[in-house]
Amino acid sequence: MANIESAKKRISVIENKTARNRRVKDHVKEAVKGFDKALAAGDMETAEKQLILAEKKLTKAASKNVIHKNAASRKVSRLYKKFNQANAE
């Protein structure tokens, strides 16, 4: 346990940031799962809406430095690739 006051404050700040990052990551995961579920059901209209939402959430998370921008870009690319392959069939 920290004895110095500034270290105690940092612990509090870290807890707040960790909670925020978890929330953002949970929202991203929910959006991606919604897209996967719609795609598996074959509902392309819903899948497209969920894809746009997932892209928005990933981009926002990257801009807030919750995840790396290249990781967000890679995940968006993979989602679009899945969507385009499903549309082609």
N, C-alpha and C. Protein backbone atom coordinates (compact mmCIF):
# COMPACT_ATOMS: atom_id res chain seq x y z
N MET A 1 0.85 -1.19 0.00
CA MET A 1 0.00 0.00 0.00
C MET A 1 0.88 1.24 0.00
N ALA A 2 0.44 2.24 -0.73
CA ALA A 2 1.21 3.47 -0.87
C ALA A 2 1.16 4.29 0.41
N ASN A 3 2.30 4.89 0.74
CA ASN A 3 2.38 5.78 1.91
C ASN A 3 2.38 7.24 1.50
N ILE A 4 2.94 7.53 0.36
CA ILE A 4 3.05 8.91 -0.10
C ILE A 4 1.72 9.34 -0.70
N GLU A 5 1.34 10.59 -0.38
CA GLU A 5 0.02 11.08 -0.78
C GLU A 5 -0.16 11.09 -2.30
N SER A 6 0.87 11.48 -3.03
CA SER A 6 0.75 11.52 -4.49
C SER A 6 0.56 10.11 -5.05
N ALA A 7 1.17 9.11 -4.42
CA ALA A 7 1.01 7.72 -4.87
C ALA A 7 -0.42 7.25 -4.60
N LYS A 8 -0.98 7.68 -3.49
CA LYS A 8 -2.38 7.34 -3.18
C LYS A 8 -3.32 7.94 -4.22
N LYS A 9 -3.04 9.18 -4.62
CA LYS A 9 -3.86 9.84 -5.63
C LYS A 9 -3.75 9.11 -6.97
N ARG A 10 -2.53 8.69 -7.31
CA ARG A 10 -2.32 7.97 -8.57
C ARG A 10 -3.11 6.66 -8.58
N ILE A 11 -3.16 5.98 -7.45
CA ILE A 11 -3.93 4.73 -7.36
C ILE A 11 -5.39 5.01 -7.68
N SER A 12 -5.92 6.09 -7.14
CA SER A 12 -7.31 6.47 -7.40
C SER A 12 -7.53 6.78 -8.88
N VAL A 13 -6.60 7.52 -9.47
CA VAL A 13 -6.72 7.89 -10.88
C VAL A 13 -6.67 6.63 -11.75
N ILE A 14 -5.76 5.72 -11.43
CA ILE A 14 -5.63 4.48 -12.19
C ILE A 14 -6.91 3.65 -12.12
N GLU A 15 -7.52 3.59 -10.94
CA GLU A 15 -8.78 2.85 -10.80
C GLU A 15 -9.86 3.44 -11.68
N ASN A 16 -9.94 4.77 -11.73
CA ASN A 16 -10.95 5.43 -12.57
C ASN A 16 -10.70 5.16 -14.05
N LYS A 17 -9.45 5.25 -14.47
CA LYS A 17 -9.12 5.01 -15.87
C LYS A 17 -9.38 3.55 -16.25
N THR A 18 -9.05 2.63 -15.35
CA THR A 18 -9.28 1.21 -15.60
C THR A 18 -10.77 0.94 -15.78
N ALA A 19 -11.59 1.55 -14.92
CA ALA A 19 -13.04 1.37 -15.01
C ALA A 19 -13.56 1.91 -16.35
N ARG A 20 -13.07 3.07 -16.75
CA ARG A 20 -13.52 3.67 -18.02
C ARG A 20 -13.09 2.80 -19.19
N ASN A 21 -11.85 2.32 -19.17
CA ASN A 21 -11.35 1.48 -20.26
C ASN A 21 -12.15 0.19 -20.36
N ARG A 22 -12.48 -0.41 -19.23
CA ARG A 22 -13.29 -1.64 -19.24
C ARG A 22 -14.65 -1.38 -19.87
N ARG A 23 -15.27 -0.26 -19.49
CA ARG A 23 -16.58 0.10 -20.04
C ARG A 23 -16.50 0.24 -21.55
N VAL A 24 -15.49 0.96 -22.02
CA VAL A 24 -15.35 1.19 -23.46
C VAL A 24 -15.12 -0.13 -24.19
N LYS A 25 -14.25 -0.99 -23.65
CA LYS A 25 -13.98 -2.27 -24.28
C LYS A 25 -15.22 -3.16 -24.29
N ASP A 26 -16.02 -3.09 -23.22
CA ASP A 26 -17.26 -3.87 -23.18
C ASP A 26 -18.22 -3.41 -24.27
N HIS A 27 -18.31 -2.09 -24.47
CA HIS A 27 -19.19 -1.56 -25.52
C HIS A 27 -18.72 -2.01 -26.90
N VAL A 28 -17.42 -2.02 -27.09
CA VAL A 28 -16.87 -2.47 -28.38
C VAL A 28 -17.21 -3.94 -28.61
N LYS A 29 -17.00 -4.76 -27.58
CA LYS A 29 -17.29 -6.19 -27.70
C LYS A 29 -18.76 -6.44 -27.98
N GLU A 30 -19.65 -5.69 -27.32
CA GLU A 30 -21.09 -5.84 -27.55
C GLU A 30 -21.44 -5.51 -29.00
N ALA A 31 -20.84 -4.44 -29.53
CA ALA A 31 -21.13 -4.04 -30.90
C ALA A 31 -20.65 -5.10 -31.89
N VAL A 32 -19.48 -5.65 -31.66
CA VAL A 32 -18.93 -6.68 -32.56
C VAL A 32 -19.77 -7.95 -32.48
N LYS A 33 -20.18 -8.32 -31.26
CA LYS A 33 -21.03 -9.50 -31.10
C LYS A 33 -22.37 -9.31 -31.79
N GLY A 34 -22.93 -8.11 -31.72
CA GLY A 34 -24.19 -7.81 -32.40
C GLY A 34 -24.05 -7.98 -33.90
N PHE A 35 -22.92 -7.53 -34.44
CA PHE A 35 -22.66 -7.69 -35.87
C PHE A 35 -22.54 -9.17 -36.22
N ASP A 36 -21.77 -9.93 -35.44
CA ASP A 36 -21.59 -11.35 -35.71
C ASP A 36 -22.92 -12.11 -35.65
N LYS A 37 -23.75 -11.74 -34.68
CA LYS A 37 -25.04 -12.41 -34.52
C LYS A 37 -25.95 -12.13 -35.72
N ALA A 38 -25.99 -10.88 -36.16
CA ALA A 38 -26.82 -10.51 -37.32
C ALA A 38 -26.30 -11.19 -38.58
N LEU A 39 -24.99 -11.27 -38.71
CA LEU A 39 -24.39 -11.91 -39.89
C LEU A 39 -24.70 -13.40 -39.91
N ALA A 40 -24.62 -14.04 -38.74
CA ALA A 40 -24.91 -15.47 -38.64
C ALA A 40 -26.37 -15.76 -38.96
N ALA A 41 -27.25 -14.82 -38.59
CA ALA A 41 -28.67 -14.99 -38.87
C ALA A 41 -29.01 -14.70 -40.33
N GLY A 42 -28.07 -14.09 -41.05
CA GLY A 42 -28.31 -13.79 -42.45
C GLY A 42 -29.07 -12.50 -42.67
N ASP A 43 -29.22 -11.70 -41.64
CA ASP A 43 -29.94 -10.43 -41.73
C ASP A 43 -28.95 -9.33 -42.12
N MET A 44 -28.83 -9.07 -43.41
CA MET A 44 -27.80 -8.16 -43.90
C MET A 44 -28.06 -6.70 -43.55
N GLU A 45 -29.32 -6.31 -43.47
CA GLU A 45 -29.63 -4.91 -43.13
C GLU A 45 -29.18 -4.61 -41.70
N THR A 46 -29.53 -5.50 -40.79
CA THR A 46 -29.13 -5.33 -39.39
C THR A 46 -27.62 -5.45 -39.26
N ALA A 47 -27.03 -6.37 -40.01
CA ALA A 47 -25.58 -6.56 -39.96
C ALA A 47 -24.87 -5.29 -40.41
N GLU A 48 -25.40 -4.64 -41.43
CA GLU A 48 -24.78 -3.40 -41.91
C GLU A 48 -24.86 -2.30 -40.85
N LYS A 49 -26.01 -2.19 -40.19
CA LYS A 49 -26.15 -1.20 -39.12
C LYS A 49 -25.19 -1.50 -37.96
N GLN A 50 -25.10 -2.78 -37.61
CA GLN A 50 -24.21 -3.18 -36.53
C GLN A 50 -22.74 -2.97 -36.92
N LEU A 51 -22.44 -3.17 -38.19
CA LEU A 51 -21.08 -2.95 -38.68
C LEU A 51 -20.69 -1.49 -38.53
N ILE A 52 -21.57 -0.61 -38.90
CA ILE A 52 -21.31 0.83 -38.78
C ILE A 52 -21.14 1.21 -37.31
N LEU A 53 -21.98 0.64 -36.45
CA LEU A 53 -21.88 0.91 -35.02
C LEU A 53 -20.56 0.39 -34.46
N ALA A 54 -20.19 -0.81 -34.85
CA ALA A 54 -18.94 -1.40 -34.37
C ALA A 54 -17.74 -0.57 -34.83
N GLU A 55 -17.78 -0.12 -36.07
CA GLU A 55 -16.69 0.71 -36.57
C GLU A 55 -16.59 2.01 -35.77
N LYS A 56 -17.73 2.59 -35.49
CA LYS A 56 -17.76 3.84 -34.71
C LYS A 56 -17.18 3.63 -33.32
N LYS A 57 -17.58 2.54 -32.67
CA LYS A 57 -17.09 2.24 -31.32
C LYS A 57 -15.58 1.98 -31.32
N LEU A 58 -15.11 1.22 -32.32
CA LEU A 58 -13.68 0.92 -32.41
C LEU A 58 -12.86 2.19 -32.65
N THR A 59 -13.33 3.03 -33.55
CA THR A 59 -12.63 4.27 -33.86
C THR A 59 -12.58 5.19 -32.65
N LYS A 60 -13.69 5.25 -31.94
CA LYS A 60 -13.76 6.09 -30.74
C LYS A 60 -12.80 5.58 -29.66
N ALA A 61 -12.77 4.27 -29.49
CA ALA A 61 -11.87 3.67 -28.50
C ALA A 61 -10.41 3.95 -28.86
N ALA A 62 -10.11 3.90 -30.15
CA ALA A 62 -8.74 4.18 -30.59
C ALA A 62 -8.39 5.65 -30.37
N SER A 63 -9.34 6.53 -30.63
CA SER A 63 -9.06 7.95 -30.46
C SER A 63 -8.86 8.32 -29.00
N LYS A 64 -9.45 7.55 -28.10
CA LYS A 64 -9.29 7.79 -26.66
C LYS A 64 -8.14 6.98 -26.07
N ASN A 65 -7.36 6.32 -26.94
CA ASN A 65 -6.21 5.52 -26.53
C ASN A 65 -6.57 4.36 -25.61
N VAL A 66 -7.77 3.84 -25.74
CA VAL A 66 -8.15 2.65 -24.99
C VAL A 66 -7.56 1.42 -25.68
N ILE A 67 -7.61 1.43 -27.02
CA ILE A 67 -6.93 0.41 -27.80
C ILE A 67 -6.05 1.13 -28.82
N HIS A 68 -5.07 0.42 -29.35
CA HIS A 68 -4.16 1.03 -30.32
C HIS A 68 -4.89 1.27 -31.63
N LYS A 69 -4.54 2.36 -32.30
CA LYS A 69 -5.25 2.72 -33.55
C LYS A 69 -5.08 1.67 -34.62
N ASN A 70 -3.92 1.01 -34.67
CA ASN A 70 -3.73 -0.04 -35.68
C ASN A 70 -4.57 -1.27 -35.36
N ALA A 71 -4.73 -1.57 -34.08
CA ALA A 71 -5.59 -2.69 -33.68
C ALA A 71 -7.03 -2.42 -34.08
N ALA A 72 -7.48 -1.19 -33.85
CA ALA A 72 -8.84 -0.81 -34.24
C ALA A 72 -9.01 -0.91 -35.75
N SER A 73 -8.04 -0.42 -36.47
CA SER A 73 -8.09 -0.46 -37.93
C SER A 73 -8.12 -1.90 -38.43
N ARG A 74 -7.31 -2.75 -37.84
CA ARG A 74 -7.27 -4.17 -38.22
C ARG A 74 -8.62 -4.84 -37.97
N LYS A 75 -9.22 -4.55 -36.82
CA LYS A 75 -10.50 -5.18 -36.48
C LYS A 75 -11.61 -4.70 -37.41
N VAL A 76 -11.61 -3.41 -37.73
CA VAL A 76 -12.61 -2.86 -38.66
C VAL A 76 -12.45 -3.52 -40.02
N SER A 77 -11.21 -3.66 -40.45
CA SER A 77 -10.93 -4.27 -41.75
C SER A 77 -11.46 -5.70 -41.79
N ARG A 78 -11.24 -6.44 -40.73
CA ARG A 78 -11.71 -7.83 -40.67
C ARG A 78 -13.23 -7.91 -40.68
N LEU A 79 -13.87 -6.97 -39.98
CA LEU A 79 -15.33 -6.96 -39.97
C LEU A 79 -15.89 -6.67 -41.37
N TYR A 80 -15.30 -5.69 -42.06
CA TYR A 80 -15.76 -5.38 -43.41
C TYR A 80 -15.51 -6.54 -44.36
N LYS A 81 -14.40 -7.23 -44.17
CA LYS A 81 -14.09 -8.38 -45.02
C LYS A 81 -15.15 -9.47 -44.83
N LYS A 82 -15.52 -9.75 -43.58
CA LYS A 82 -16.57 -10.74 -43.29
C LYS A 82 -17.88 -10.33 -43.95
N PHE A 83 -18.22 -9.04 -43.81
CA PHE A 83 -19.48 -8.53 -44.34
C PHE A 83 -19.51 -8.65 -45.86
N ASN A 84 -18.42 -8.28 -46.50
CA ASN A 84 -18.37 -8.34 -47.97
C ASN A 84 -18.42 -9.77 -48.48
N GLN A 85 -17.77 -10.68 -47.77
CA GLN A 85 -17.82 -12.09 -48.17
C GLN A 85 -19.23 -12.64 -48.03
N ALA A 86 -19.92 -12.27 -46.96
CA ALA A 86 -21.29 -12.72 -46.75
C ALA A 86 -22.23 -12.14 -47.80
N ASN A 87 -21.97 -10.91 -48.19
CA ASN A 87 -22.78 -10.25 -49.23
C ASN A 87 -22.57 -10.89 -50.60
N ALA A 88 -21.38 -11.33 -50.85
CA ALA A 88 -21.06 -11.93 -52.15
C ALA A 88 -21.75 -13.28 -52.35
N GLU A 89 -22.05 -13.97 -51.26
CA GLU A 89 -22.66 -15.30 -51.37
C GLU A 89 -24.11 -15.27 -51.74
